[in-house]
Amino acid sequence: MKRIELKCAAMSVSVFFLVLVLCRPYRSFAQTASPTAQAQRTSTVAPRPGAWNYRSQSNIGEQQKPNSAGTYSTLIKDDGSAWTVTVAMKYPEGPVTDVRTLDKDTLVLRKERFTHFVHPDQRWKPVAINLDFNGNKVTGTSTNANGQTKPVAVDLSGPVFQPPILADTTISMVFIGCLPLADGYSTTVRDWDVVLLKEKLWQLKVTGVESVTVPAGTFSAYKVELMANDGTGDKQTAWIAKDSRLLVRIDLVDKGYGYTHTEMVP
């Protein structure tokens, strides 16, 4: 059970981070930031259309042994009036897909369509979630493997900004690459967890520039650390290529389940 729940959590994190990273110059969008970060905000960015591939490995349980692996692709499309970000993950048990629609001008999350493979022994878990984001309100439906559909109605503390990231363990990562990253930059970002159906705030800080090597190559990258603001101790460390703003690696520490390592592959 923990293994499956961690996969869902990793999926949400992956979608978030992917959107934050894959960006290019664009108009500004709202965010909360420290005075230092506010002064550094001299340029604006938008999603970067294209497709990228990743693989992940999770260590779950008290022994922290590698026991969950997956691969996924992230596709960002310019649909004229909106951006569409599709993350398709593959596990031995089956596929997981998350499709997010972003406002073309503000990059605010407007729609999300999430599908998950069926757990034969846990048919009460959701296999389809369809959501609409309007202002500070989320509405929609969640359907489990038994065909039971429940309404979703959640209040947010503010809009969810998801410029296509390699998000959610690329959580909404596309969005992070869209930020004016620089050594010492810090801000607070709001994420949406499609599995738990709630928002989550993360404190973000760029702690330097490092050379990082993954199967896709060697990159000069910003090292970005994110700490959950809810007291759980959950943490993400991401490496975002300076030139392309692509997410090349991300490590997730979830205090409830374990550790997940994700990296870009050819």
C-alpha atoms as a PDB file:
ATOM      1  CA  MET A   1       0.000   0.000   0.000  1.00  0.00           C
ATOM      2  CA  LYS A   2       2.801   2.449   0.877  1.00  0.00           C
ATOM      3  CA  ARG A   3       4.495   1.619  -2.402  1.00  0.00           C
ATOM      4  CA  ILE A   4       1.449   2.621  -4.436  1.00  0.00           C
ATOM      5  CA  GLU A   5       0.803   5.762  -2.395  1.00  0.00           C
ATOM      6  CA  LEU A   6       4.408   6.860  -2.840  1.00  0.00           C
ATOM      7  CA  LYS A   7       4.116   6.440  -6.592  1.00  0.00           C
ATOM      8  CA  CYS A   8       1.114   8.758  -6.548  1.00  0.00           C
ATOM      9  CA  ALA A   9       2.974  11.286  -4.402  1.00  0.00           C
ATOM     10  CA  ALA A  10       6.016  11.109  -6.666  1.00  0.00           C
ATOM     11  CA  MET A  11       3.768  11.587  -9.685  1.00  0.00           C
ATOM     12  CA  SER A  12       2.263  14.748  -8.234  1.00  0.00           C
ATOM     13  CA  VAL A  13       5.672  16.106  -7.323  1.00  0.00           C
ATOM     14  CA  SER A  14       7.000  15.312 -10.771  1.00  0.00           C
ATOM     15  CA  VAL A  15       4.271  17.194 -12.564  1.00  0.00           C
ATOM     16  CA  PHE A  16       4.777  20.281 -10.427  1.00  0.00           C
ATOM     17  CA  PHE A  17       8.525  20.535 -10.924  1.00  0.00           C
ATOM     18  CA  LEU A  18       8.458  19.850 -14.648  1.00  0.00           C
ATOM     19  CA  VAL A  19       6.232  22.794 -15.332  1.00  0.00           C
ATOM     20  CA  LEU A  20       8.408  25.049 -13.249  1.00  0.00           C
ATOM     21  CA  VAL A  21      11.505  24.279 -15.287  1.00  0.00           C
ATOM     22  CA  LEU A  22      10.682  24.184 -18.999  1.00  0.00           C
ATOM     23  CA  CYS A  23      10.349  27.878 -19.790  1.00  0.00           C
ATOM     24  CA  ARG A  24      11.467  30.708 -22.060  1.00  0.00           C
ATOM     25  CA  PRO A  25      11.138  34.565 -21.910  1.00  0.00           C
ATOM     26  CA  TYR A  26       7.511  35.578 -21.349  1.00  0.00           C
ATOM     27  CA  ARG A  27       5.223  37.953 -19.449  1.00  0.00           C
ATOM     28  CA  SER A  28       5.154  37.957 -15.670  1.00  0.00           C
ATOM     29  CA  PHE A  29       2.937  35.951 -13.343  1.00  0.00           C
ATOM     30  CA  ALA A  30       2.162  36.309  -9.642  1.00  0.00           C
ATOM     31  CA  GLN A  31       4.255  34.686  -6.927  1.00  0.00           C
ATOM     32  CA  THR A  32       5.237  35.429  -3.357  1.00  0.00           C
ATOM     33  CA  ALA A  33       8.877  36.272  -2.755  1.00  0.00           C
ATOM     34  CA  SER A  34      11.347  37.692  -0.298  1.00  0.00           C
ATOM     35  CA  PRO A  35      12.526  41.323  -0.793  1.00  0.00           C
ATOM     36  CA  THR A  36      15.763  39.978  -2.264  1.00  0.00           C
ATOM     37  CA  ALA A  37      13.936  37.784  -4.743  1.00  0.00           C
ATOM     38  CA  GLN A  38      11.628  40.665  -5.633  1.00  0.00           C
ATOM     39  CA  ALA A  39      14.625  42.804  -6.604  1.00  0.00           C
ATOM     40  CA  GLN A  40      16.062  40.008  -8.742  1.00  0.00           C
ATOM     41  CA  ARG A  41      12.881  39.616 -10.773  1.00  0.00           C
ATOM     42  CA  THR A  42      14.178  41.433 -13.862  1.00  0.00           C
ATOM     43  CA  SER A  43      12.924  39.040 -16.541  1.00  0.00           C
ATOM     44  CA  THR A  44       9.804  36.974 -17.176  1.00  0.00           C
ATOM     45  CA  VAL A  45       9.450  33.512 -18.646  1.00  0.00           C
ATOM     46  CA  ALA A  46       6.969  31.145 -20.289  1.00  0.00           C
ATOM     47  CA  PRO A  47       6.781  27.391 -20.917  1.00  0.00           C
ATOM     48  CA  ARG A  48       9.153  25.737 -23.370  1.00  0.00           C
ATOM     49  CA  PRO A  49       7.277  23.535 -25.900  1.00  0.00           C
ATOM     50  CA  GLY A  50       8.760  20.086 -26.435  1.00  0.00           C
ATOM     51  CA  ALA A  51       9.068  16.559 -25.034  1.00  0.00           C
ATOM     52  CA  TRP A  52      11.503  15.139 -22.454  1.00  0.00           C
ATOM     53  CA  ASN A  53      12.106  11.736 -20.887  1.00  0.00           C
ATOM     54  CA  TYR A  54      12.903  10.749 -17.293  1.00  0.00           C
ATOM     55  CA  ARG A  55      13.331   7.717 -15.080  1.00  0.00           C
ATOM     56  CA  SER A  56      12.793   7.397 -11.329  1.00  0.00           C
ATOM     57  CA  GLN A  57      13.785   5.042  -8.528  1.00  0.00           C
ATOM     58  CA  SER A  58      12.175   5.003  -5.090  1.00  0.00           C
ATOM     59  CA  ASN A  59      13.362   3.563  -1.782  1.00  0.00           C
ATOM     60  CA  ILE A  60      10.358   2.733   0.366  1.00  0.00           C
ATOM     61  CA  GLY A  61       9.930   1.330   3.855  1.00  0.00           C
ATOM     62  CA  GLU A  62      12.114   1.007   6.929  1.00  0.00           C
ATOM     63  CA  GLN A  63      14.934  -0.770   5.062  1.00  0.00           C
ATOM     64  CA  GLN A  64      14.928   1.899   2.328  1.00  0.00           C
ATOM     65  CA  LYS A  65      15.584  -0.695  -0.374  1.00  0.00           C
ATOM     66  CA  PRO A  66      15.026   0.160  -4.051  1.00  0.00           C
ATOM     67  CA  ASN A  67      11.612  -1.352  -4.724  1.00  0.00           C
ATOM     68  CA  SER A  68       9.793   0.970  -7.092  1.00  0.00           C
ATOM     69  CA  ALA A  69      11.006   2.103 -10.512  1.00  0.00           C
ATOM     70  CA  GLY A  70       9.311   3.933 -13.345  1.00  0.00           C
ATOM     71  CA  THR A  71       9.834   5.943 -16.510  1.00  0.00           C
ATOM     72  CA  TYR A  72       7.871   8.849 -17.877  1.00  0.00           C
ATOM     73  CA  SER A  73       7.679  11.456 -20.590  1.00  0.00           C
ATOM     74  CA  THR A  74       6.654  15.092 -20.338  1.00  0.00           C
ATOM     75  CA  LEU A  75       5.065  16.877 -23.285  1.00  0.00           C
ATOM     76  CA  ILE A  76       4.422  20.639 -23.339  1.00  0.00           C
ATOM     77  CA  LYS A  77       2.218  22.012 -26.125  1.00  0.00           C
ATOM     78  CA  ASP A  78       1.182  25.510 -27.148  1.00  0.00           C
ATOM     79  CA  ASP A  79      -2.513  25.108 -27.980  1.00  0.00           C
ATOM     80  CA  GLY A  80      -3.047  28.724 -28.969  1.00  0.00           C
ATOM     81  CA  SER A  81      -5.286  29.876 -26.126  1.00  0.00           C
ATOM     82  CA  ALA A  82      -3.641  27.697 -23.461  1.00  0.00           C
ATOM     83  CA  TRP A  83      -0.631  25.560 -22.563  1.00  0.00           C
ATOM     84  CA  THR A  84      -1.130  21.816 -22.168  1.00  0.00           C
ATOM     85  CA  VAL A  85       1.291  19.778 -20.052  1.00  0.00           C
ATOM     86  CA  THR A  86       1.036  15.971 -20.248  1.00  0.00           C
ATOM     87  CA  VAL A  87       3.045  13.666 -18.000  1.00  0.00           C
ATOM     88  CA  ALA A  88       2.766   9.967 -18.920  1.00  0.00           C
ATOM     89  CA  MET A  89       4.342   7.570 -16.412  1.00  0.00           C
ATOM     90  CA  LYS A  90       4.900   3.836 -16.843  1.00  0.00           C
ATOM     91  CA  TYR A  91       5.208   1.310 -14.014  1.00  0.00           C
ATOM     92  CA  PRO A  92       5.218  -2.500 -14.118  1.00  0.00           C
ATOM     93  CA  GLU A  93       1.710  -2.414 -12.663  1.00  0.00           C
ATOM     94  CA  GLY A  94       0.349  -0.012 -15.282  1.00  0.00           C
ATOM     95  CA  PRO A  95       0.285   3.586 -16.587  1.00  0.00           C
ATOM     96  CA  VAL A  96      -0.412   6.905 -14.846  1.00  0.00           C
ATOM     97  CA  THR A  97      -1.259  10.039 -16.826  1.00  0.00           C
ATOM     98  CA  ASP A  98      -1.684  13.652 -15.709  1.00  0.00           C
ATOM     99  CA  VAL A  99      -2.833  16.357 -18.147  1.00  0.00           C
ATOM    100  CA  ARG A 100      -2.850  19.994 -16.986  1.00  0.00           C
ATOM    101  CA  THR A 101      -4.221  23.016 -18.838  1.00  0.00           C
ATOM    102  CA  LEU A 102      -2.626  26.388 -18.048  1.00  0.00           C
ATOM    103  CA  ASP A 103      -3.886  29.886 -18.783  1.00  0.00           C
ATOM    104  CA  LYS A 104      -1.915  31.193 -21.776  1.00  0.00           C
ATOM    105  CA  ASP A 105      -1.128  34.608 -20.273  1.00  0.00           C
ATOM    106  CA  THR A 106      -0.868  34.010 -16.524  1.00  0.00           C
ATOM    107  CA  LEU A 107       0.158  30.308 -16.438  1.00  0.00           C
ATOM    108  CA  VAL A 108      -2.475  29.709 -13.744  1.00  0.00           C
ATOM    109  CA  LEU A 109      -3.694  26.095 -13.551  1.00  0.00           C
ATOM    110  CA  ARG A 110      -7.192  25.860 -15.074  1.00  0.00           C
ATOM    111  CA  LYS A 111      -7.901  22.142 -15.589  1.00  0.00           C
ATOM    112  CA  GLU A 112      -6.425  18.806 -14.569  1.00  0.00           C
ATOM    113  CA  ARG A 113      -7.247  15.309 -15.826  1.00  0.00           C
ATOM    114  CA  PHE A 114      -5.603  12.460 -13.880  1.00  0.00           C
ATOM    115  CA  THR A 115      -5.870   8.718 -14.644  1.00  0.00           C
ATOM    116  CA  HIS A 116      -4.254   5.855 -12.704  1.00  0.00           C
ATOM    117  CA  PHE A 117      -3.975   2.107 -13.239  1.00  0.00           C
ATOM    118  CA  VAL A 118      -6.341  -0.083 -11.207  1.00  0.00           C
ATOM    119  CA  HIS A 119      -5.111  -1.632  -7.963  1.00  0.00           C
ATOM    120  CA  PRO A 120      -6.889  -5.031  -7.890  1.00  0.00           C
ATOM    121  CA  ASP A 121      -6.642  -5.230  -4.096  1.00  0.00           C
ATOM    122  CA  GLN A 122      -7.438  -1.556  -3.501  1.00  0.00           C
ATOM    123  CA  ARG A 123     -10.379  -0.791  -5.740  1.00  0.00           C
ATOM    124  CA  TRP A 124     -11.443   2.082  -3.497  1.00  0.00           C
ATOM    125  CA  LYS A 125      -8.542   4.188  -4.777  1.00  0.00           C
ATOM    126  CA  PRO A 126      -9.213   6.803  -7.517  1.00  0.00           C
ATOM    127  CA  VAL A 127      -8.536   5.832 -11.122  1.00  0.00           C
ATOM    128  CA  ALA A 128      -9.854   9.066 -12.667  1.00  0.00           C
ATOM    129  CA  ILE A 129      -9.886  12.637 -11.325  1.00  0.00           C
ATOM    130  CA  ASN A 130     -11.279  15.548 -13.357  1.00  0.00           C
ATOM    131  CA  LEU A 131     -10.887  19.055 -11.944  1.00  0.00           C
ATOM    132  CA  ASP A 132     -11.608  22.665 -12.885  1.00  0.00           C
ATOM    133  CA  PHE A 133      -9.802  25.595 -11.217  1.00  0.00           C
ATOM    134  CA  ASN A 134     -11.734  28.859 -11.075  1.00  0.00           C
ATOM    135  CA  GLY A 135     -10.287  31.623  -8.924  1.00  0.00           C
ATOM    136  CA  ASN A 136      -9.600  30.153  -5.489  1.00  0.00           C
ATOM    137  CA  LYS A 137     -11.972  27.216  -5.958  1.00  0.00           C
ATOM    138  CA  VAL A 138     -11.398  23.663  -7.238  1.00  0.00           C
ATOM    139  CA  THR A 139     -14.400  21.608  -8.349  1.00  0.00           C
ATOM    140  CA  GLY A 140     -14.786  18.302 -10.158  1.00  0.00           C
ATOM    141  CA  THR A 141     -15.112  14.559  -9.618  1.00  0.00           C
ATOM    142  CA  SER A 142     -13.057  11.597  -8.393  1.00  0.00           C
ATOM    143  CA  THR A 143     -13.919   8.061  -9.553  1.00  0.00           C
ATOM    144  CA  ASN A 144     -12.558   4.834  -8.049  1.00  0.00           C
ATOM    145  CA  ALA A 145     -12.055   1.401  -9.636  1.00  0.00           C
ATOM    146  CA  ASN A 146     -15.514   0.287  -8.469  1.00  0.00           C
ATOM    147  CA  GLY A 147     -17.101   3.038 -10.570  1.00  0.00           C
ATOM    148  CA  GLN A 148     -18.113   5.149  -7.592  1.00  0.00           C
ATOM    149  CA  THR A 149     -17.867   8.887  -8.318  1.00  0.00           C
ATOM    150  CA  LYS A 150     -17.568  11.529  -5.622  1.00  0.00           C
ATOM    151  CA  PRO A 151     -17.740  15.313  -6.037  1.00  0.00           C
ATOM    152  CA  VAL A 152     -14.664  17.436  -5.304  1.00  0.00           C
ATOM    153  CA  ALA A 153     -14.937  20.960  -3.867  1.00  0.00           C
ATOM    154  CA  VAL A 154     -11.805  22.528  -2.366  1.00  0.00           C
ATOM    155  CA  ASP A 155     -11.017  26.135  -1.405  1.00  0.00           C
ATOM    156  CA  LEU A 156      -7.515  27.453  -2.180  1.00  0.00           C
ATOM    157  CA  SER A 157      -5.583  30.242  -0.496  1.00  0.00           C
ATOM    158  CA  GLY A 158      -4.641  31.577  -3.944  1.00  0.00           C
ATOM    159  CA  PRO A 159      -4.157  30.631  -7.612  1.00  0.00           C
ATOM    160  CA  VAL A 160      -1.949  27.657  -8.472  1.00  0.00           C
ATOM    161  CA  PHE A 161       0.777  28.756 -10.864  1.00  0.00           C
ATOM    162  CA  GLN A 162       2.035  25.865 -12.956  1.00  0.00           C
ATOM    163  CA  PRO A 163       4.109  27.065 -15.903  1.00  0.00           C
ATOM    164  CA  PRO A 164       4.897  23.706 -17.556  1.00  0.00           C
ATOM    165  CA  ILE A 165       7.498  21.994 -15.373  1.00  0.00           C
ATOM    166  CA  LEU A 166       9.179  18.692 -15.785  1.00  0.00           C
ATOM    167  CA  ALA A 167       5.874  18.851 -11.982  1.00  0.00           C
ATOM    168  CA  ASP A 168       5.221  17.337 -10.125  1.00  0.00           C
ATOM    169  CA  THR A 169       9.207  13.583  -9.271  1.00  0.00           C
ATOM    170  CA  THR A 170       9.134  16.444 -11.545  1.00  0.00           C
ATOM    171  CA  ILE A 171       6.156  17.716  -9.446  1.00  0.00           C
ATOM    172  CA  SER A 172       5.174  20.867 -11.169  1.00  0.00           C
ATOM    173  CA  MET A 173       8.912  21.356 -12.237  1.00  0.00           C
ATOM    174  CA  VAL A 174       8.110  23.253 -15.376  1.00  0.00           C
ATOM    175  CA  PHE A 175       7.146  26.270 -13.306  1.00  0.00           C
ATOM    176  CA  ILE A 176      10.428  26.467 -11.424  1.00  0.00           C
ATOM    177  CA  GLY A 177      12.421  26.875 -14.622  1.00  0.00           C
ATOM    178  CA  CYS A 178      10.183  29.824 -15.463  1.00  0.00           C
ATOM    179  CA  LEU A 179      11.334  31.737 -12.392  1.00  0.00           C
ATOM    180  CA  PRO A 180      14.206  34.303 -12.535  1.00  0.00           C
ATOM    181  CA  LEU A 181      16.661  31.857 -10.989  1.00  0.00           C
ATOM    182  CA  ALA A 182      19.987  33.141  -9.676  1.00  0.00           C
ATOM    183  CA  ASP A 183      22.290  32.221  -6.793  1.00  0.00           C
ATOM    184  CA  GLY A 184      20.517  33.264  -3.588  1.00  0.00           C
ATOM    185  CA  TYR A 185      17.080  33.666  -5.192  1.00  0.00           C
ATOM    186  CA  SER A 186      14.202  32.631  -2.931  1.00  0.00           C
ATOM    187  CA  THR A 187      10.420  32.588  -3.110  1.00  0.00           C
ATOM    188  CA  THR A 188       7.345  30.640  -2.006  1.00  0.00           C
ATOM    189  CA  VAL A 189       5.453  28.527  -4.558  1.00  0.00           C
ATOM    190  CA  ARG A 190       1.988  26.972  -4.298  1.00  0.00           C
ATOM    191  CA  ASP A 191       1.543  23.410  -5.563  1.00  0.00           C
ATOM    192  CA  TRP A 192      -1.558  21.281  -6.040  1.00  0.00           C
ATOM    193  CA  ASP A 193      -1.548  17.616  -4.947  1.00  0.00           C
ATOM    194  CA  VAL A 194      -3.985  15.798  -7.237  1.00  0.00           C
ATOM    195  CA  VAL A 195      -3.836  12.606  -5.151  1.00  0.00           C
ATOM    196  CA  LEU A 196      -4.562  14.193  -1.765  1.00  0.00           C
ATOM    197  CA  LEU A 197      -6.699  16.917  -3.361  1.00  0.00           C
ATOM    198  CA  LYS A 198      -5.130  19.811  -1.491  1.00  0.00           C
ATOM    199  CA  GLU A 199      -2.701  22.661  -1.995  1.00  0.00           C
ATOM    200  CA  LYS A 200       0.820  22.686  -0.587  1.00  0.00           C
ATOM    201  CA  LEU A 201       3.254  25.577  -0.129  1.00  0.00           C
ATOM    202  CA  TRP A 202       7.003  25.174  -0.630  1.00  0.00           C
ATOM    203  CA  GLN A 203       9.822  27.526   0.329  1.00  0.00           C
ATOM    204  CA  LEU A 204      12.239  27.661  -2.610  1.00  0.00           C
ATOM    205  CA  LYS A 205      15.878  28.784  -2.579  1.00  0.00           C
ATOM    206  CA  VAL A 206      18.692  28.613  -5.135  1.00  0.00           C
ATOM    207  CA  THR A 207      21.792  27.496  -3.222  1.00  0.00           C
ATOM    208  CA  GLY A 208      24.345  27.712  -6.036  1.00  0.00           C
ATOM    209  CA  VAL A 209      25.423  26.407  -9.437  1.00  0.00           C
ATOM    210  CA  GLU A 210      26.818  22.893  -9.872  1.00  0.00           C
ATOM    211  CA  SER A 211      27.910  20.554 -12.659  1.00  0.00           C
ATOM    212  CA  VAL A 212      25.592  17.538 -12.682  1.00  0.00           C
ATOM    213  CA  THR A 213      25.833  14.404 -14.840  1.00  0.00           C
ATOM    214  CA  VAL A 214      22.810  12.267 -15.760  1.00  0.00           C
ATOM    215  CA  PRO A 215      22.209   9.765 -18.592  1.00  0.00           C
ATOM    216  CA  ALA A 216      21.153  12.650 -20.859  1.00  0.00           C
ATOM    217  CA  GLY A 217      24.537  14.416 -20.427  1.00  0.00           C
ATOM    218  CA  THR A 218      26.458  16.828 -18.201  1.00  0.00           C
ATOM    219  CA  PHE A 219      24.908  20.191 -17.362  1.00  0.00           C
ATOM    220  CA  SER A 220      25.803  23.391 -15.520  1.00  0.00           C
ATOM    221  CA  ALA A 221      22.741  23.696 -13.336  1.00  0.00           C
ATOM    222  CA  TYR A 222      21.120  25.767 -10.631  1.00  0.00           C
ATOM    223  CA  LYS A 223      20.735  23.772  -7.426  1.00  0.00           C
ATOM    224  CA  VAL A 224      17.240  24.501  -6.145  1.00  0.00           C
ATOM    225  CA  GLU A 225      16.045  23.397  -2.722  1.00  0.00           C
ATOM    226  CA  LEU A 226      12.371  23.291  -1.747  1.00  0.00           C
ATOM    227  CA  MET A 227      11.132  22.712   1.787  1.00  0.00           C
ATOM    228  CA  ALA A 228       7.468  22.060   2.583  1.00  0.00           C
ATOM    229  CA  ASN A 229       5.867  24.783   4.711  1.00  0.00           C
ATOM    230  CA  ASP A 230       3.540  22.344   6.504  1.00  0.00           C
ATOM    231  CA  GLY A 231       6.043  21.072   9.070  1.00  0.00           C
ATOM    232  CA  THR A 232       6.258  17.563   7.567  1.00  0.00           C
ATOM    233  CA  GLY A 233       9.952  17.864   6.729  1.00  0.00           C
ATOM    234  CA  ASP A 234       9.296  16.939   3.087  1.00  0.00           C
ATOM    235  CA  LYS A 235      12.089  18.253   0.880  1.00  0.00           C
ATOM    236  CA  GLN A 236      13.026  18.408  -2.791  1.00  0.00           C
ATOM    237  CA  THR A 237      16.410  19.201  -4.302  1.00  0.00           C
ATOM    238  CA  ALA A 238      16.416  19.902  -8.042  1.00  0.00           C
ATOM    239  CA  TRP A 239      19.110  20.684 -10.602  1.00  0.00           C
ATOM    240  CA  ILE A 240      17.912  22.932 -13.433  1.00  0.00           C
ATOM    241  CA  ALA A 241      20.125  23.528 -16.484  1.00  0.00           C
ATOM    242  CA  LYS A 242      21.203  27.180 -16.687  1.00  0.00           C
ATOM    243  CA  ASP A 243      20.978  27.475 -20.473  1.00  0.00           C
ATOM    244  CA  SER A 244      17.821  25.528 -21.326  1.00  0.00           C
ATOM    245  CA  ARG A 245      16.070  25.782 -17.925  1.00  0.00           C
ATOM    246  CA  LEU A 246      15.281  22.073 -18.182  1.00  0.00           C
ATOM    247  CA  LEU A 247      14.996  19.910 -15.112  1.00  0.00           C
ATOM    248  CA  VAL A 248      17.836  17.375 -15.273  1.00  0.00           C
ATOM    249  CA  ARG A 249      17.633  15.793 -11.811  1.00  0.00           C
ATOM    250  CA  ILE A 250      15.459  15.929  -8.710  1.00  0.00           C
ATOM    251  CA  ASP A 251      15.678  14.123  -5.349  1.00  0.00           C
ATOM    252  CA  LEU A 252      12.577  13.927  -3.156  1.00  0.00           C
ATOM    253  CA  VAL A 253      12.578  13.095   0.551  1.00  0.00           C
ATOM    254  CA  ASP A 254       9.092  12.253   1.824  1.00  0.00           C
ATOM    255  CA  LYS A 255       9.122  11.713   5.588  1.00  0.00           C
ATOM    256  CA  GLY A 256       6.093   9.435   5.363  1.00  0.00           C
ATOM    257  CA  TYR A 257       7.304   7.070   2.652  1.00  0.00           C
ATOM    258  CA  GLY A 258      10.939   7.366   1.611  1.00  0.00           C
ATOM    259  CA  TYR A 259      13.294   8.726  -1.028  1.00  0.00           C
ATOM    260  CA  THR A 260      12.818   9.148  -4.787  1.00  0.00           C
ATOM    261  CA  HIS A 261      15.531   9.963  -7.319  1.00  0.00           C
ATOM    262  CA  THR A 262      14.554  11.166 -10.816  1.00  0.00           C
ATOM    263  CA  GLU A 263      16.884  12.040 -13.698  1.00  0.00           C
ATOM    264  CA  MET A 264      16.683  12.977 -17.358  1.00  0.00           C
ATOM    265  CA  VAL A 265      17.442  10.269 -19.933  1.00  0.00           C
ATOM    266  CA  PRO A 266      17.998  10.503 -23.706  1.00  0.00           C
END
